Amino acid sequence: MFYGVLALLATRQSETSMQSGAISQFDQLYVKPALLPRDFSRWLHDAFLNRQAADYGSELNLSREDIDALVAHARDFLAGVRQFLGSSGP
């Protein structure tokens, strides 16, 4: 999902060195003006928080249902980004 966000930001020649900055720019440039669904922002934030918990937290316990939902959201997110990039081409 993060690389999808970076692809979107690259189309606007917008860069950031931090994931949190990329997520913030994604929200401002694509979600706030309703170019992409609000669910995409929620899914991205959830994935980011889970990744941080896994990397820096003491323990992350996700159920099989949680993992399945994360994967489904990531697939839908990336499909939406691909569709958006394809429809906003040159």
C-alpha atoms as a PDB file:
ATOM      1  CA  MET A   1       0.000   0.000   0.000  1.00  0.00           C
ATOM      2  CA  PHE A   2       2.855   2.357   0.843  1.00  0.00           C
ATOM      3  CA  TYR A   3       4.420   1.918  -2.591  1.00  0.00           C
ATOM      4  CA  GLY A   4       1.032   2.645  -4.140  1.00  0.00           C
ATOM      5  CA  VAL A   5       0.977   5.907  -2.187  1.00  0.00           C
ATOM      6  CA  LEU A   6       4.502   6.715  -3.383  1.00  0.00           C
ATOM      7  CA  ALA A   7       3.401   6.101  -6.989  1.00  0.00           C
ATOM      8  CA  LEU A   8       0.490   8.499  -6.518  1.00  0.00           C
ATOM      9  CA  LEU A   9       2.742  11.133  -4.953  1.00  0.00           C
ATOM     10  CA  ALA A  10       5.260  10.753  -7.770  1.00  0.00           C
ATOM     11  CA  THR A  11       2.582  11.802 -10.259  1.00  0.00           C
ATOM     12  CA  ARG A  12       2.435  15.093  -8.372  1.00  0.00           C
ATOM     13  CA  GLN A  13       6.208  15.300  -8.012  1.00  0.00           C
ATOM     14  CA  SER A  14       5.711  15.180  -4.270  1.00  0.00           C
ATOM     15  CA  GLU A  15       8.297  13.441  -2.116  1.00  0.00           C
ATOM     16  CA  THR A  16       8.785  12.627   1.518  1.00  0.00           C
ATOM     17  CA  SER A  17      11.374  10.616   3.399  1.00  0.00           C
ATOM     18  CA  MET A  18       8.945   9.422   6.067  1.00  0.00           C
ATOM     19  CA  GLN A  19       6.006   7.053   5.785  1.00  0.00           C
ATOM     20  CA  SER A  20       3.895   9.231   8.050  1.00  0.00           C
ATOM     21  CA  GLY A  21       4.545  12.194   5.740  1.00  0.00           C
ATOM     22  CA  ALA A  22       3.522  10.170   2.686  1.00  0.00           C
ATOM     23  CA  ILE A  23       0.310   9.101   4.407  1.00  0.00           C
ATOM     24  CA  SER A  24      -0.443  12.691   5.357  1.00  0.00           C
ATOM     25  CA  GLN A  25       0.125  13.873   1.785  1.00  0.00           C
ATOM     26  CA  PHE A  26      -2.033  11.024   0.470  1.00  0.00           C
ATOM     27  CA  ASP A  27      -4.873  12.145   2.730  1.00  0.00           C
ATOM     28  CA  GLN A  28      -4.509  15.801   1.716  1.00  0.00           C
ATOM     29  CA  LEU A  29      -4.054  15.274  -2.020  1.00  0.00           C
ATOM     30  CA  TYR A  30      -6.312  12.298  -2.723  1.00  0.00           C
ATOM     31  CA  VAL A  31      -8.747  11.585   0.104  1.00  0.00           C
ATOM     32  CA  LYS A  32      -9.729  15.072   1.264  1.00  0.00           C
ATOM     33  CA  PRO A  33     -10.717  16.189  -2.268  1.00  0.00           C
ATOM     34  CA  ALA A  34     -12.552  12.828  -2.670  1.00  0.00           C
ATOM     35  CA  LEU A  35     -10.376  11.598  -5.535  1.00  0.00           C
ATOM     36  CA  LEU A  36     -10.092   8.291  -3.672  1.00  0.00           C
ATOM     37  CA  PRO A  37     -12.427   6.790  -1.038  1.00  0.00           C
ATOM     38  CA  ARG A  38     -12.128   7.595   2.662  1.00  0.00           C
ATOM     39  CA  ASP A  39     -11.884   3.859   3.344  1.00  0.00           C
ATOM     40  CA  PHE A  40      -8.497   3.916   1.611  1.00  0.00           C
ATOM     41  CA  SER A  41      -7.217   6.346   4.233  1.00  0.00           C
ATOM     42  CA  ARG A  42      -8.583   4.246   7.090  1.00  0.00           C
ATOM     43  CA  TRP A  43      -7.081   1.062   5.660  1.00  0.00           C
ATOM     44  CA  LEU A  44      -3.723   2.735   5.086  1.00  0.00           C
ATOM     45  CA  HIS A  45      -3.625   4.136   8.616  1.00  0.00           C
ATOM     46  CA  ASP A  46      -4.598   0.755  10.080  1.00  0.00           C
ATOM     47  CA  ALA A  47      -1.889  -1.038   8.101  1.00  0.00           C
ATOM     48  CA  PHE A  48       0.693   1.552   9.142  1.00  0.00           C
ATOM     49  CA  LEU A  49      -0.243   1.243  12.823  1.00  0.00           C
ATOM     50  CA  ASN A  50      -0.074  -2.544  12.650  1.00  0.00           C
ATOM     51  CA  ARG A  51       3.315  -2.391  10.951  1.00  0.00           C
ATOM     52  CA  GLN A  52       4.626  -0.038  13.617  1.00  0.00           C
ATOM     53  CA  ALA A  53       3.286  -2.284  16.370  1.00  0.00           C
ATOM     54  CA  ALA A  54       4.936  -5.300  14.742  1.00  0.00           C
ATOM     55  CA  ASP A  55       8.263  -3.508  14.267  1.00  0.00           C
ATOM     56  CA  TYR A  56       8.488  -1.555  17.509  1.00  0.00           C
ATOM     57  CA  GLY A  57       5.895  -2.945  19.897  1.00  0.00           C
ATOM     58  CA  SER A  58       6.365  -5.743  22.330  1.00  0.00           C
ATOM     59  CA  GLU A  59       3.888  -8.062  20.649  1.00  0.00           C
ATOM     60  CA  LEU A  60       1.262  -7.898  17.942  1.00  0.00           C
ATOM     61  CA  ASN A  61      -1.594 -10.375  18.059  1.00  0.00           C
ATOM     62  CA  LEU A  62      -3.827 -10.435  15.023  1.00  0.00           C
ATOM     63  CA  SER A  63      -6.521 -13.009  14.482  1.00  0.00           C
ATOM     64  CA  ARG A  64      -6.832 -14.857  11.205  1.00  0.00           C
ATOM     65  CA  GLU A  65      -9.874 -12.690  10.454  1.00  0.00           C
ATOM     66  CA  ASP A  66      -7.842  -9.511  11.111  1.00  0.00           C
ATOM     67  CA  ILE A  67      -5.104 -10.694   8.769  1.00  0.00           C
ATOM     68  CA  ASP A  68      -7.598 -11.674   6.078  1.00  0.00           C
ATOM     69  CA  ALA A  69      -9.227  -8.235   6.337  1.00  0.00           C
ATOM     70  CA  LEU A  70      -5.855  -6.457   6.098  1.00  0.00           C
ATOM     71  CA  VAL A  71      -4.923  -8.446   2.990  1.00  0.00           C
ATOM     72  CA  ALA A  72      -8.325  -7.815   1.370  1.00  0.00           C
ATOM     73  CA  HIS A  73      -8.054  -4.092   2.113  1.00  0.00           C
ATOM     74  CA  ALA A  74      -4.535  -3.980   0.674  1.00  0.00           C
ATOM     75  CA  ARG A  75      -5.721  -5.682  -2.520  1.00  0.00           C
ATOM     76  CA  ASP A  76      -8.667  -3.306  -2.870  1.00  0.00           C
ATOM     77  CA  PHE A  77      -6.453  -0.312  -2.103  1.00  0.00           C
ATOM     78  CA  LEU A  78      -3.894  -1.258  -4.746  1.00  0.00           C
ATOM     79  CA  ALA A  79      -6.586  -2.038  -7.305  1.00  0.00           C
ATOM     80  CA  GLY A  80      -8.094   1.393  -6.673  1.00  0.00           C
ATOM     81  CA  VAL A  81      -4.721   3.102  -6.990  1.00  0.00           C
ATOM     82  CA  ARG A  82      -3.992   1.254 -10.245  1.00  0.00           C
ATOM     83  CA  GLN A  83      -7.398   2.207 -11.614  1.00  0.00           C
ATOM     84  CA  PHE A  84      -6.916   5.839 -10.580  1.00  0.00           C
ATOM     85  CA  LEU A  85      -3.463   6.004 -12.156  1.00  0.00           C
ATOM     86  CA  GLY A  86      -4.761   4.381 -15.332  1.00  0.00           C
ATOM     87  CA  SER A  87      -7.673   6.778 -15.621  1.00  0.00           C
ATOM     88  CA  SER A  88      -5.644   9.904 -14.918  1.00  0.00           C
ATOM     89  CA  GLY A  89      -2.921   9.152 -17.464  1.00  0.00           C
ATOM     90  CA  PRO A  90      -1.435  11.539 -20.012  1.00  0.00           C
END
